[in-house]
Amino acid sequence: MDIIFLRELKVETLIGVYEWEKRVPQTLQLDMEIALPNARACQSDDIHDALDYSEIVRHIQSALSNHHFNLLEALAERIAQILLIDFNVPWVKVSVAKLNAIRDSRMVGISIERRQAKPN
């Protein structure tokens, strides 16, 4: 399996259960490992056979800017579903972290792995 990755992507979104968190955007750090749907780009060296990193980032930023999430878990799931469904990837690992959310900790977060559902 061939995997691309995006590391330490910073995004702004409304996240959290407290009232102030519903009004003040916070910076999150995203890390993603994304299995390629096929290996064609490795042979063809053609961008049309590859996943477009910038399109993935734009799509995720757009989805996060238009929605408030209470939990990092729900936000990570939304990102995973975007990648699985909209980009047709077979597997993804998404890590989402709030920066400086807890005293004496640089970040706190969650990491999830998802696969495309197998047809019945």
PDB file of N, CA and C in Angstrom:
ATOM      1  N   MET A   1       0.843  -1.171   0.000  1.00  0.00           N
ATOM      2  CA  MET A   1       0.000   0.000   0.000  1.00  0.00           C
ATOM      3  C   MET A   1       0.890   1.237   0.000  1.00  0.00           C
ATOM      4  N   ASP A   2       0.601   2.177  -0.894  1.00  0.00           N
ATOM      5  CA  ASP A   2       1.324   3.439  -0.966  1.00  0.00           C
ATOM      6  C   ASP A   2       0.554   4.478  -0.159  1.00  0.00           C
ATOM      7  N   ILE A   3       1.284   5.253   0.620  1.00  0.00           N
ATOM      8  CA  ILE A   3       0.665   6.216   1.529  1.00  0.00           C
ATOM      9  C   ILE A   3       1.312   7.578   1.350  1.00  0.00           C
ATOM     10  N   ILE A   4       0.481   8.604   1.181  1.00  0.00           N
ATOM     11  CA  ILE A   4       0.977   9.977   1.236  1.00  0.00           C
ATOM     12  C   ILE A   4       0.678  10.502   2.635  1.00  0.00           C
ATOM     13  N   PHE A   5       1.378  11.533   3.030  1.00  0.00           N
ATOM     14  CA  PHE A   5       1.116  12.100   4.351  1.00  0.00           C
ATOM     15  C   PHE A   5       1.160  13.610   4.308  1.00  0.00           C
ATOM     16  N   LEU A   6       0.404  14.214   5.194  1.00  0.00           N
ATOM     17  CA  LEU A   6       0.434  15.652   5.456  1.00  0.00           C
ATOM     18  C   LEU A   6       0.713  15.789   6.942  1.00  0.00           C
ATOM     19  N   ARG A   7       1.716  16.557   7.294  1.00  0.00           N
ATOM     20  CA  ARG A   7       2.125  16.700   8.698  1.00  0.00           C
ATOM     21  C   ARG A   7       1.990  18.159   9.146  1.00  0.00           C
ATOM     22  N   GLU A   8       1.520  18.315  10.363  1.00  0.00           N
ATOM     23  CA  GLU A   8       1.472  19.604  11.044  1.00  0.00           C
ATOM     24  C   GLU A   8       0.730  20.680  10.254  1.00  0.00           C
ATOM     25  N   LEU A   9      -0.365  20.287   9.620  1.00  0.00           N
ATOM     26  CA  LEU A   9      -1.227  21.244   8.932  1.00  0.00           C
ATOM     27  C   LEU A   9      -2.009  22.016   9.988  1.00  0.00           C
ATOM     28  N   LYS A  10      -1.920  23.325   9.958  1.00  0.00           N
ATOM     29  CA  LYS A  10      -2.644  24.169  10.914  1.00  0.00           C
ATOM     30  C   LYS A  10      -3.945  24.644  10.270  1.00  0.00           C
ATOM     31  N   VAL A  11      -5.050  24.478  11.012  1.00  0.00           N
ATOM     32  CA  VAL A  11      -6.358  24.940  10.553  1.00  0.00           C
ATOM     33  C   VAL A  11      -7.052  25.667  11.696  1.00  0.00           C
ATOM     34  N   GLU A  12      -7.906  26.612  11.346  1.00  0.00           N
ATOM     35  CA  GLU A  12      -8.693  27.356  12.325  1.00  0.00           C
ATOM     36  C   GLU A  12     -10.135  26.873  12.227  1.00  0.00           C
ATOM     37  N   THR A  13     -10.737  26.595  13.385  1.00  0.00           N
ATOM     38  CA  THR A  13     -12.131  26.174  13.396  1.00  0.00           C
ATOM     39  C   THR A  13     -12.725  26.411  14.777  1.00  0.00           C
ATOM     40  N   LEU A  14     -14.038  26.342  14.834  1.00  0.00           N
ATOM     41  CA  LEU A  14     -14.739  26.415  16.113  1.00  0.00           C
ATOM     42  C   LEU A  14     -14.839  25.005  16.669  1.00  0.00           C
ATOM     43  N   ILE A  15     -14.243  24.793  17.830  1.00  0.00           N
ATOM     44  CA  ILE A  15     -14.196  23.461  18.421  1.00  0.00           C
ATOM     45  C   ILE A  15     -14.293  23.578  19.935  1.00  0.00           C
ATOM     46  N   GLY A  16     -15.167  22.795  20.526  1.00  0.00           N
ATOM     47  CA  GLY A  16     -15.231  22.751  21.977  1.00  0.00           C
ATOM     48  C   GLY A  16     -16.643  22.848  22.516  1.00  0.00           C
ATOM     49  N   VAL A  17     -16.769  22.533  23.789  1.00  0.00           N
ATOM     50  CA  VAL A  17     -18.079  22.494  24.443  1.00  0.00           C
ATOM     51  C   VAL A  17     -18.370  23.745  25.258  1.00  0.00           C
ATOM     52  N   TYR A  18     -17.352  24.530  25.587  1.00  0.00           N
ATOM     53  CA  TYR A  18     -17.565  25.742  26.367  1.00  0.00           C
ATOM     54  C   TYR A  18     -18.095  26.860  25.474  1.00  0.00           C
ATOM     55  N   GLU A  19     -18.858  27.770  26.077  1.00  0.00           N
ATOM     56  CA  GLU A  19     -19.477  28.861  25.297  1.00  0.00           C
ATOM     57  C   GLU A  19     -18.447  29.685  24.530  1.00  0.00           C
ATOM     58  N   TRP A  20     -17.318  29.992  25.155  1.00  0.00           N
ATOM     59  CA  TRP A  20     -16.315  30.798  24.452  1.00  0.00           C
ATOM     60  C   TRP A  20     -15.738  30.045  23.258  1.00  0.00           C
ATOM     61  N   GLU A  21     -15.680  28.711  23.350  1.00  0.00           N
ATOM     62  CA  GLU A  21     -15.142  27.909  22.248  1.00  0.00           C
ATOM     63  C   GLU A  21     -16.090  27.900  21.050  1.00  0.00           C
ATOM     64  N   LYS A  22     -17.345  28.205  21.280  1.00  0.00           N
ATOM     65  CA  LYS A  22     -18.327  28.245  20.200  1.00  0.00           C
ATOM     66  C   LYS A  22     -18.281  29.577  19.449  1.00  0.00           C
ATOM     67  N   ARG A  23     -17.540  30.539  19.989  1.00  0.00           N
ATOM     68  CA  ARG A  23     -17.444  31.869  19.376  1.00  0.00           C
ATOM     69  C   ARG A  23     -16.042  32.213  18.874  1.00  0.00           C
ATOM     70  N   VAL A  24     -15.024  31.617  19.495  1.00  0.00           N
ATOM     71  CA  VAL A  24     -13.634  31.979  19.189  1.00  0.00           C
ATOM     72  C   VAL A  24     -12.945  30.824  18.464  1.00  0.00           C
ATOM     73  N   PRO A  25     -12.551  31.024  17.198  1.00  0.00           N
ATOM     74  CA  PRO A  25     -11.847  29.951  16.484  1.00  0.00           C
ATOM     75  C   PRO A  25     -10.537  29.588  17.178  1.00  0.00           C
ATOM     76  N   GLN A  26     -10.209  28.311  17.117  1.00  0.00           N
ATOM     77  CA  GLN A  26      -8.956  27.816  17.682  1.00  0.00           C
ATOM     78  C   GLN A  26      -8.114  27.184  16.578  1.00  0.00           C
ATOM     79  N   THR A  27      -6.820  27.210  16.768  1.00  0.00           N
ATOM     80  CA  THR A  27      -5.909  26.571  15.815  1.00  0.00           C
ATOM     81  C   THR A  27      -5.723  25.111  16.215  1.00  0.00           C
ATOM     82  N   LEU A  28      -5.931  24.238  15.248  1.00  0.00           N
ATOM     83  CA  LEU A  28      -5.706  22.810  15.435  1.00  0.00           C
ATOM     84  C   LEU A  28      -4.555  22.372  14.551  1.00  0.00           C
ATOM     85  N   GLN A  29      -3.915  21.302  14.940  1.00  0.00           N
ATOM     86  CA  GLN A  29      -2.885  20.697  14.103  1.00  0.00           C
ATOM     87  C   GLN A  29      -3.403  19.358  13.584  1.00  0.00           C
ATOM     88  N   LEU A  30      -3.323  19.167  12.279  1.00  0.00           N
ATOM     89  CA  LEU A  30      -3.763  17.928  11.651  1.00  0.00           C
ATOM     90  C   LEU A  30      -2.565  17.186  11.075  1.00  0.00           C
ATOM     91  N   ASP A  31      -2.583  15.873  11.274  1.00  0.00           N
ATOM     92  CA  ASP A  31      -1.627  14.981  10.624  1.00  0.00           C
ATOM     93  C   ASP A  31      -2.446  13.887   9.961  1.00  0.00           C
ATOM     94  N   MET A  32      -2.134  13.595   8.709  1.00  0.00           N
ATOM     95  CA  MET A  32      -2.894  12.589   7.976  1.00  0.00           C
ATOM     96  C   MET A  32      -1.974  11.653   7.217  1.00  0.00           C
ATOM     97  N   GLU A  33      -2.322  10.391   7.242  1.00  0.00           N
ATOM     98  CA  GLU A  33      -1.715   9.388   6.370  1.00  0.00           C
ATOM     99  C   GLU A  33      -2.846   8.873   5.511  1.00  0.00           C
ATOM    100  N   ILE A  34      -2.633   8.887   4.197  1.00  0.00           N
ATOM    101  CA  ILE A  34      -3.710   8.598   3.255  1.00  0.00           C
ATOM    102  C   ILE A  34      -3.225   7.548   2.259  1.00  0.00           C
ATOM    103  N   ALA A  35      -3.895   6.403   2.259  1.00  0.00           N
ATOM    104  CA  ALA A  35      -3.540   5.353   1.298  1.00  0.00           C
ATOM    105  C   ALA A  35      -4.008   5.773  -0.091  1.00  0.00           C
ATOM    106  N   LEU A  36      -3.156   5.563  -1.052  1.00  0.00           N
ATOM    107  CA  LEU A  36      -3.521   5.901  -2.433  1.00  0.00           C
ATOM    108  C   LEU A  36      -4.519   4.878  -2.972  1.00  0.00           C
ATOM    109  N   PRO A  37      -5.506   5.343  -3.741  1.00  0.00           N
ATOM    110  CA  PRO A  37      -6.483   4.415  -4.315  1.00  0.00           C
ATOM    111  C   PRO A  37      -5.853   3.419  -5.290  1.00  0.00           C
ATOM    112  N   ASN A  38      -4.733   3.823  -5.904  1.00  0.00           N
ATOM    113  CA  ASN A  38      -4.020   2.944  -6.836  1.00  0.00           C
ATOM    114  C   ASN A  38      -2.577   3.438  -6.930  1.00  0.00           C
ATOM    115  N   ALA A  39      -1.759   2.713  -7.642  1.00  0.00           N
ATOM    116  CA  ALA A  39      -0.343   3.065  -7.765  1.00  0.00           C
ATOM    117  C   ALA A  39      -0.011   3.664  -9.132  1.00  0.00           C
ATOM    118  N   ARG A  40      -1.027   4.082  -9.882  1.00  0.00           N
ATOM    119  CA  ARG A  40      -0.776   4.591 -11.243  1.00  0.00           C
ATOM    120  C   ARG A  40       0.211   5.754 -11.277  1.00  0.00           C
ATOM    121  N   ALA A  41       0.110   6.682 -10.320  1.00  0.00           N
ATOM    122  CA  ALA A  41       0.989   7.852 -10.340  1.00  0.00           C
ATOM    123  C   ALA A  41       2.456   7.458 -10.222  1.00  0.00           C
ATOM    124  N   CYS A  42       2.726   6.358  -9.549  1.00  0.00           N
ATOM    125  CA  CYS A  42       4.113   5.897  -9.402  1.00  0.00           C
ATOM    126  C   CYS A  42       4.729   5.512 -10.746  1.00  0.00           C
ATOM    127  N   GLN A  43       3.905   4.989 -11.659  1.00  0.00           N
ATOM    128  CA  GLN A  43       4.398   4.607 -12.975  1.00  0.00           C
ATOM    129  C   GLN A  43       4.271   5.741 -13.998  1.00  0.00           C
ATOM    130  N   SER A  44       3.160   6.482 -13.940  1.00  0.00           N
ATOM    131  CA  SER A  44       2.884   7.464 -14.991  1.00  0.00           C
ATOM    132  C   SER A  44       3.582   8.802 -14.772  1.00  0.00           C
ATOM    133  N   ASP A  45       3.872   9.151 -13.506  1.00  0.00           N
ATOM    134  CA  ASP A  45       4.440  10.455 -13.178  1.00  0.00           C
ATOM    135  C   ASP A  45       3.522  11.581 -13.657  1.00  0.00           C
ATOM    136  N   ASP A  46       2.212  11.326 -13.610  1.00  0.00           N
ATOM    137  CA  ASP A  46       1.196  12.258 -14.093  1.00  0.00           C
ATOM    138  C   ASP A  46       0.299  12.682 -12.924  1.00  0.00           C
ATOM    139  N   ILE A  47       0.164  13.987 -12.730  1.00  0.00           N
ATOM    140  CA  ILE A  47      -0.646  14.515 -11.631  1.00  0.00           C
ATOM    141  C   ILE A  47      -2.095  14.038 -11.705  1.00  0.00           C
ATOM    142  N   HIS A  48      -2.598  13.752 -12.876  1.00  0.00           N
ATOM    143  CA  HIS A  48      -3.990  13.288 -13.026  1.00  0.00           C
ATOM    144  C   HIS A  48      -4.200  11.895 -12.417  1.00  0.00           C
ATOM    145  N   ASP A  49      -3.130  11.180 -12.195  1.00  0.00           N
ATOM    146  CA  ASP A  49      -3.220   9.856 -11.571  1.00  0.00           C
ATOM    147  C   ASP A  49      -2.949   9.905 -10.062  1.00  0.00           C
ATOM    148  N   ALA A  50      -2.702  11.098  -9.538  1.00  0.00           N
ATOM    149  CA  ALA A  50      -2.320  11.249  -8.132  1.00  0.00           C
ATOM    150  C   ALA A  50      -3.420  11.963  -7.351  1.00  0.00           C
ATOM    151  N   LEU A  51      -3.302  11.911  -6.029  1.00  0.00           N
ATOM    152  CA  LEU A  51      -4.146  12.739  -5.178  1.00  0.00           C
ATOM    153  C   LEU A  51      -3.515  14.129  -5.119  1.00  0.00           C
ATOM    154  N   ASP A  52      -4.342  15.141  -5.276  1.00  0.00           N
ATOM    155  CA  ASP A  52      -3.876  16.524  -5.260  1.00  0.00           C
ATOM    156  C   ASP A  52      -3.875  17.017  -3.810  1.00  0.00           C
ATOM    157  N   TYR A  53      -2.700  17.160  -3.220  1.00  0.00           N
ATOM    158  CA  TYR A  53      -2.583  17.571  -1.817  1.00  0.00           C
ATOM    159  C   TYR A  53      -3.303  18.896  -1.565  1.00  0.00           C
ATOM    160  N   SER A  54      -3.110  19.845  -2.472  1.00  0.00           N
ATOM    161  CA  SER A  54      -3.713  21.162  -2.255  1.00  0.00           C
ATOM    162  C   SER A  54      -5.238  21.090  -2.299  1.00  0.00           C
ATOM    163  N   GLU A  55      -5.786  20.225  -3.126  1.00  0.00           N
ATOM    164  CA  GLU A  55      -7.245  20.055  -3.170  1.00  0.00           C
ATOM    165  C   GLU A  55      -7.753  19.405  -1.885  1.00  0.00           C
ATOM    166  N   ILE A  56      -7.019  18.461  -1.357  1.00  0.00           N
ATOM    167  CA  ILE A  56      -7.382  17.842  -0.078  1.00  0.00           C
ATOM    168  C   ILE A  56      -7.418  18.903   1.015  1.00  0.00           C
ATOM    169  N   VAL A  57      -6.391  19.728   1.084  1.00  0.00           N
ATOM    170  CA  VAL A  57      -6.311  20.766   2.117  1.00  0.00           C
ATOM    171  C   VAL A  57      -7.449  21.763   1.952  1.00  0.00           C
ATOM    172  N   ARG A  58      -7.705  22.225   0.742  1.00  0.00           N
ATOM    173  CA  ARG A  58      -8.804  23.177   0.505  1.00  0.00           C
ATOM    174  C   ARG A  58     -10.142  22.590   0.934  1.00  0.00           C
ATOM    175  N   HIS A  59     -10.378  21.349   0.589  1.00  0.00           N
ATOM    176  CA  HIS A  59     -11.635  20.678   0.918  1.00  0.00           C
ATOM    177  C   HIS A  59     -11.816  20.575   2.435  1.00  0.00           C
ATOM    178  N   ILE A  60     -10.785  20.190   3.133  1.00  0.00           N
ATOM    179  CA  ILE A  60     -10.850  20.062   4.591  1.00  0.00           C
ATOM    180  C   ILE A  60     -11.028  21.431   5.236  1.00  0.00           C
ATOM    181  N   GLN A  61     -10.266  22.421   4.798  1.00  0.00           N
ATOM    182  CA  GLN A  61     -10.400  23.765   5.362  1.00  0.00           C
ATOM    183  C   GLN A  61     -11.807  24.307   5.157  1.00  0.00           C
ATOM    184  N   SER A  62     -12.376  24.081   4.004  1.00  0.00           N
ATOM    185  CA  SER A  62     -13.741  24.535   3.736  1.00  0.00           C
ATOM    186  C   SER A  62     -14.748  23.854   4.656  1.00  0.00           C
ATOM    187  N   ALA A  63     -14.620  22.542   4.820  1.00  0.00           N
ATOM    188  CA  ALA A  63     -15.552  21.801   5.681  1.00  0.00           C
ATOM    189  C   ALA A  63     -15.445  22.257   7.131  1.00  0.00           C
ATOM    190  N   LEU A  64     -14.245  22.541   7.598  1.00  0.00           N
ATOM    191  CA  LEU A  64     -14.056  22.946   8.988  1.00  0.00           C
ATOM    192  C   LEU A  64     -14.482  24.385   9.234  1.00  0.00           C
ATOM    193  N   SER A  65     -14.372  25.221   8.222  1.00  0.00           N
ATOM    194  CA  SER A  65     -14.740  26.625   8.407  1.00  0.00           C
ATOM    195  C   SER A  65     -16.253  26.825   8.466  1.00  0.00           C
ATOM    196  N   ASN A  66     -17.012  25.844   8.002  1.00  0.00           N
ATOM    197  CA  ASN A  66     -18.469  25.975   7.944  1.00  0.00           C
ATOM    198  C   ASN A  66     -19.198  25.177   9.011  1.00  0.00           C
ATOM    199  N   HIS A  67     -18.492  24.726  10.042  1.00  0.00           N
ATOM    200  CA  HIS A  67     -19.136  23.848  11.018  1.00  0.00           C
ATOM    201  C   HIS A  67     -18.478  23.996  12.389  1.00  0.00           C
ATOM    202  N   HIS A  68     -19.280  23.917  13.437  1.00  0.00           N
ATOM    203  CA  HIS A  68     -18.754  23.861  14.800  1.00  0.00           C
ATOM    204  C   HIS A  68     -18.803  22.412  15.263  1.00  0.00           C
ATOM    205  N   PHE A  69     -17.730  21.962  15.857  1.00  0.00           N
ATOM    206  CA  PHE A  69     -17.663  20.621  16.423  1.00  0.00           C
ATOM    207  C   PHE A  69     -17.502  20.748  17.928  1.00  0.00           C
ATOM    208  N   ASN A  70     -18.213  19.933  18.690  1.00  0.00           N
ATOM    209  CA  ASN A  70     -18.010  19.894  20.131  1.00  0.00           C
ATOM    210  C   ASN A  70     -16.729  19.139  20.473  1.00  0.00           C
ATOM    211  N   LEU A  71     -16.504  18.022  19.783  1.00  0.00           N
ATOM    212  CA  LEU A  71     -15.420  17.108  20.147  1.00  0.00           C
ATOM    213  C   LEU A  71     -14.408  16.917  19.017  1.00  0.00           C
ATOM    214  N   LEU A  72     -13.164  16.745  19.403  1.00  0.00           N
ATOM    215  CA  LEU A  72     -12.126  16.413  18.429  1.00  0.00           C
ATOM    216  C   LEU A  72     -12.444  15.101  17.722  1.00  0.00           C
ATOM    217  N   GLU A  73     -13.087  14.173  18.443  1.00  0.00           N
ATOM    218  CA  GLU A  73     -13.442  12.881  17.860  1.00  0.00           C
ATOM    219  C   GLU A  73     -14.348  13.058  16.639  1.00  0.00           C
ATOM    220  N   ALA A  74     -15.349  13.918  16.765  1.00  0.00           N
ATOM    221  CA  ALA A  74     -16.289  14.156  15.655  1.00  0.00           C
ATOM    222  C   ALA A  74     -15.602  14.869  14.500  1.00  0.00           C
ATOM    223  N   LEU A  75     -14.716  15.797  14.818  1.00  0.00           N
ATOM    224  CA  LEU A  75     -13.983  16.508  13.774  1.00  0.00           C
ATOM    225  C   LEU A  75     -13.071  15.546  13.010  1.00  0.00           C
ATOM    226  N   ALA A  76     -12.369  14.680  13.730  1.00  0.00           N
ATOM    227  CA  ALA A  76     -11.489  13.699  13.079  1.00  0.00           C
ATOM    228  C   ALA A  76     -12.297  12.758  12.187  1.00  0.00           C
ATOM    229  N   GLU A  77     -13.454  12.345  12.659  1.00  0.00           N
ATOM    230  CA  GLU A  77     -14.322  11.465  11.855  1.00  0.00           C
ATOM    231  C   GLU A  77     -14.766  12.162  10.579  1.00  0.00           C
ATOM    232  N   ARG A  78     -15.116  13.452  10.663  1.00  0.00           N
ATOM    233  CA  ARG A  78     -15.538  14.210   9.471  1.00  0.00           C
ATOM    234  C   ARG A  78     -14.407  14.255   8.447  1.00  0.00           C
ATOM    235  N   ILE A  79     -13.196  14.508   8.903  1.00  0.00           N
ATOM    236  CA  ILE A  79     -12.051  14.545   7.984  1.00  0.00           C
ATOM    237  C   ILE A  79     -11.850  13.175   7.349  1.00  0.00           C
ATOM    238  N   ALA A  80     -11.914  12.113   8.145  1.00  0.00           N
ATOM    239  CA  ALA A  80     -11.738  10.758   7.611  1.00  0.00           C
ATOM    240  C   ALA A  80     -12.786  10.461   6.546  1.00  0.00           C
ATOM    241  N   GLN A  81     -14.038  10.845   6.793  1.00  0.00           N
ATOM    242  CA  GLN A  81     -15.106  10.579   5.830  1.00  0.00           C
ATOM    243  C   GLN A  81     -14.927  11.387   4.550  1.00  0.00           C
ATOM    244  N   ILE A  82     -14.448  12.615   4.665  1.00  0.00           N
ATOM    245  CA  ILE A  82     -14.144  13.411   3.467  1.00  0.00           C
ATOM    246  C   ILE A  82     -13.135  12.674   2.596  1.00  0.00           C
ATOM    247  N   LEU A  83     -12.090  12.171   3.217  1.00  0.00           N
ATOM    248  CA  LEU A  83     -11.043  11.484   2.457  1.00  0.00           C
ATOM    249  C   LEU A  83     -11.545  10.171   1.862  1.00  0.00           C
ATOM    250  N   LEU A  84     -12.273   9.397   2.644  1.00  0.00           N
ATOM    251  CA  LEU A  84     -12.789   8.106   2.167  1.00  0.00           C
ATOM    252  C   LEU A  84     -13.816   8.273   1.051  1.00  0.00           C
ATOM    253  N   ILE A  85     -14.714   9.208   1.214  1.00  0.00           N
ATOM    254  CA  ILE A  85     -15.827   9.345   0.260  1.00  0.00           C
ATOM    255  C   ILE A  85     -15.476  10.280  -0.894  1.00  0.00           C
ATOM    256  N   ASP A  86     -15.054  11.502  -0.573  1.00  0.00           N
ATOM    257  CA  ASP A  86     -14.834  12.501  -1.627  1.00  0.00           C
ATOM    258  C   ASP A  86     -13.573  12.246  -2.447  1.00  0.00           C
ATOM    259  N   PHE A  87     -12.579  11.605  -1.829  1.00  0.00           N
ATOM    260  CA  PHE A  87     -11.331  11.337  -2.547  1.00  0.00           C
ATOM    261  C   PHE A  87     -11.126   9.850  -2.822  1.00  0.00           C
ATOM    262  N   ASN A  88     -12.086   9.030  -2.427  1.00  0.00           N
ATOM    263  CA  ASN A  88     -12.097   7.594  -2.733  1.00  0.00           C
ATOM    264  C   ASN A  88     -10.821   6.868  -2.310  1.00  0.00           C
ATOM    265  N   VAL A  89     -10.310   7.220  -1.132  1.00  0.00           N
ATOM    266  CA  VAL A  89      -9.119   6.520  -0.650  1.00  0.00           C
ATOM    267  C   VAL A  89      -9.554   5.285   0.130  1.00  0.00           C
ATOM    268  N   PRO A  90      -8.756   4.218   0.121  1.00  0.00           N
ATOM    269  CA  PRO A  90      -9.166   2.988   0.803  1.00  0.00           C
ATOM    270  C   PRO A  90      -8.936   2.995   2.318  1.00  0.00           C
ATOM    271  N   TRP A  91      -7.976   3.824   2.776  1.00  0.00           N
ATOM    272  CA  TRP A  91      -7.629   3.838   4.201  1.00  0.00           C
ATOM    273  C   TRP A  91      -7.062   5.200   4.550  1.00  0.00           C
ATOM    274  N   VAL A  92      -7.326   5.627   5.786  1.00  0.00           N
ATOM    275  CA  VAL A  92      -6.791   6.904   6.245  1.00  0.00           C
ATOM    276  C   VAL A  92      -6.543   6.851   7.743  1.00  0.00           C
ATOM    277  N   LYS A  93      -5.512   7.554   8.171  1.00  0.00           N
ATOM    278  CA  LYS A  93      -5.251   7.786   9.591  1.00  0.00           C
ATOM    279  C   LYS A  93      -5.229   9.291   9.779  1.00  0.00           C
ATOM    280  N   VAL A  94      -6.068   9.773  10.691  1.00  0.00           N
ATOM    281  CA  VAL A  94      -6.194  11.205  10.943  1.00  0.00           C
ATOM    282  C   VAL A  94      -5.886  11.471  12.409  1.00  0.00           C
ATOM    283  N   SER A  95      -4.987  12.397  12.649  1.00  0.00           N
ATOM    284  CA  SER A  95      -4.697  12.855  14.005  1.00  0.00           C
ATOM    285  C   SER A  95      -5.036  14.332  14.087  1.00  0.00           C
ATOM    286  N   VAL A  96      -5.763  14.697  15.144  1.00  0.00           N
ATOM    287  CA  VAL A  96      -6.186  16.076  15.352  1.00  0.00           C
ATOM    288  C   VAL A  96      -5.757  16.477  16.757  1.00  0.00           C
ATOM    289  N   ALA A  97      -5.123  17.644  16.878  1.00  0.00           N
ATOM    290  CA  ALA A  97      -4.643  18.094  18.182  1.00  0.00           C
ATOM    291  C   ALA A  97      -5.007  19.552  18.430  1.00  0.00           C
ATOM    292  N   LYS A  98      -5.470  19.824  19.652  1.00  0.00           N
ATOM    293  CA  LYS A  98      -5.604  21.192  20.144  1.00  0.00           C
ATOM    294  C   LYS A  98      -4.247  21.572  20.712  1.00  0.00           C
ATOM    295  N   LEU A  99      -3.794  22.752  20.345  1.00  0.00           N
ATOM    296  CA  LEU A  99      -2.487  23.207  20.806  1.00  0.00           C
ATOM    297  C   LEU A  99      -2.629  24.002  22.099  1.00  0.00           C
ATOM    298  N   ASN A 100      -1.783  23.713  23.059  1.00  0.00           N
ATOM    299  CA  ASN A 100      -1.753  24.442  24.333  1.00  0.00           C
ATOM    300  C   ASN A 100      -3.107  24.481  25.045  1.00  0.00           C
ATOM    301  N   ALA A 101      -3.890  23.444  24.914  1.00  0.00           N
ATOM    302  CA  ALA A 101      -5.215  23.402  25.533  1.00  0.00           C
ATOM    303  C   ALA A 101      -5.150  23.046  27.013  1.00  0.00           C
ATOM    304  N   ILE A 102      -4.101  22.366  27.404  1.00  0.00           N
ATOM    305  CA  ILE A 102      -3.942  21.944  28.793  1.00  0.00           C
ATOM    306  C   ILE A 102      -2.586  22.430  29.286  1.00  0.00           C
ATOM    307  N   ARG A 103      -2.600  23.013  30.457  1.00  0.00           N
ATOM    308  CA  ARG A 103      -1.364  23.531  31.045  1.00  0.00           C
ATOM    309  C   ARG A 103      -0.299  22.432  31.084  1.00  0.00           C
ATOM    310  N   ASP A 104       0.909  22.814  30.756  1.00  0.00           N
ATOM    311  CA  ASP A 104       2.069  21.925  30.771  1.00  0.00           C
ATOM    312  C   ASP A 104       2.022  20.832  29.703  1.00  0.00           C
ATOM    313  N   SER A 105       1.137  20.994  28.723  1.00  0.00           N
ATOM    314  CA  SER A 105       1.078  20.051  27.600  1.00  0.00           C
ATOM    315  C   SER A 105       1.068  20.853  26.303  1.00  0.00           C
ATOM    316  N   ARG A 106       1.926  20.494  25.391  1.00  0.00           N
ATOM    317  CA  ARG A 106       2.010  21.201  24.114  1.00  0.00           C
ATOM    318  C   ARG A 106       0.763  20.988  23.278  1.00  0.00           C
ATOM    319  N   MET A 107       0.186  19.777  23.354  1.00  0.00           N
ATOM    320  CA  MET A 107      -1.013  19.477  22.582  1.00  0.00           C
ATOM    321  C   MET A 107      -1.743  18.288  23.184  1.00  0.00           C
ATOM    322  N   VAL A 108      -3.032  18.223  22.874  1.00  0.00           N
ATOM    323  CA  VAL A 108      -3.862  17.095  23.274  1.00  0.00           C
ATOM    324  C   VAL A 108      -4.726  16.753  22.073  1.00  0.00           C
ATOM    325  N   GLY A 109      -4.978  15.470  21.837  1.00  0.00           N
ATOM    326  CA  GLY A 109      -5.737  15.158  20.640  1.00  0.00           C
ATOM    327  C   GLY A 109      -6.151  13.711  20.532  1.00  0.00           C
ATOM    328  N   ILE A 110      -6.506  13.355  19.312  1.00  0.00           N
ATOM    329  CA  ILE A 110      -6.989  12.011  19.000  1.00  0.00           C
ATOM    330  C   ILE A 110      -6.419  11.578  17.657  1.00  0.00           C
ATOM    331  N   SER A 111      -6.274  10.283  17.513  1.00  0.00           N
ATOM    332  CA  SER A 111      -5.847   9.693  16.250  1.00  0.00           C
ATOM    333  C   SER A 111      -6.815   8.559  15.923  1.00  0.00           C
ATOM    334  N   ILE A 112      -7.370   8.584  14.709  1.00  0.00           N
ATOM    335  CA  ILE A 112      -8.289   7.530  14.289  1.00  0.00           C
ATOM    336  C   ILE A 112      -7.835   6.939  12.956  1.00  0.00           C
ATOM    337  N   GLU A 113      -8.207   5.702  12.717  1.00  0.00           N
ATOM    338  CA  GLU A 113      -7.969   5.033  11.435  1.00  0.00           C
ATOM    339  C   GLU A 113      -9.318   4.559  10.912  1.00  0.00           C
ATOM    340  N   ARG A 114      -9.535   4.737   9.620  1.00  0.00           N
ATOM    341  CA  ARG A 114     -10.784   4.275   8.989  1.00  0.00           C
ATOM    342  C   ARG A 114     -10.468   3.656   7.635  1.00  0.00           C
ATOM    343  N   ARG A 115     -11.297   2.700   7.260  1.00  0.00           N
ATOM    344  CA  ARG A 115     -11.224   2.053   5.939  1.00  0.00           C
ATOM    345  C   ARG A 115     -12.550   2.251   5.230  1.00  0.00           C
ATOM    346  N   GLN A 116     -12.490   2.185   3.921  1.00  0.00           N
ATOM    347  CA  GLN A 116     -13.744   2.211   3.161  1.00  0.00           C
ATOM    348  C   GLN A 116     -14.552   0.966   3.508  1.00  0.00           C
ATOM    349  N   ALA A 117     -15.854   1.160   3.586  1.00  0.00           N
ATOM    350  CA  ALA A 117     -16.737   0.017   3.849  1.00  0.00           C
ATOM    351  C   ALA A 117     -16.657  -0.946   2.679  1.00  0.00           C
ATOM    352  N   LYS A 118     -16.633  -2.248   3.008  1.00  0.00           N
ATOM    353  CA  LYS A 118     -16.591  -3.255   1.952  1.00  0.00           C
ATOM    354  C   LYS A 118     -18.005  -3.469   1.430  1.00  0.00           C
ATOM    355  N   PRO A 119     -18.163  -3.602   0.123  1.00  0.00           N
ATOM    356  CA  PRO A 119     -19.498  -3.871  -0.433  1.00  0.00           C
ATOM    357  C   PRO A 119     -20.026  -5.227   0.034  1.00  0.00           C
ATOM    358  N   ASN A 120     -21.334  -5.290   0.209  1.00  0.00           N
ATOM    359  CA  ASN A 120     -21.954  -6.552   0.674  1.00  0.00           C
ATOM    360  C   ASN A 120     -21.914  -7.622  -0.365  1.00  0.00           C
TER     361      ASN A 120
END
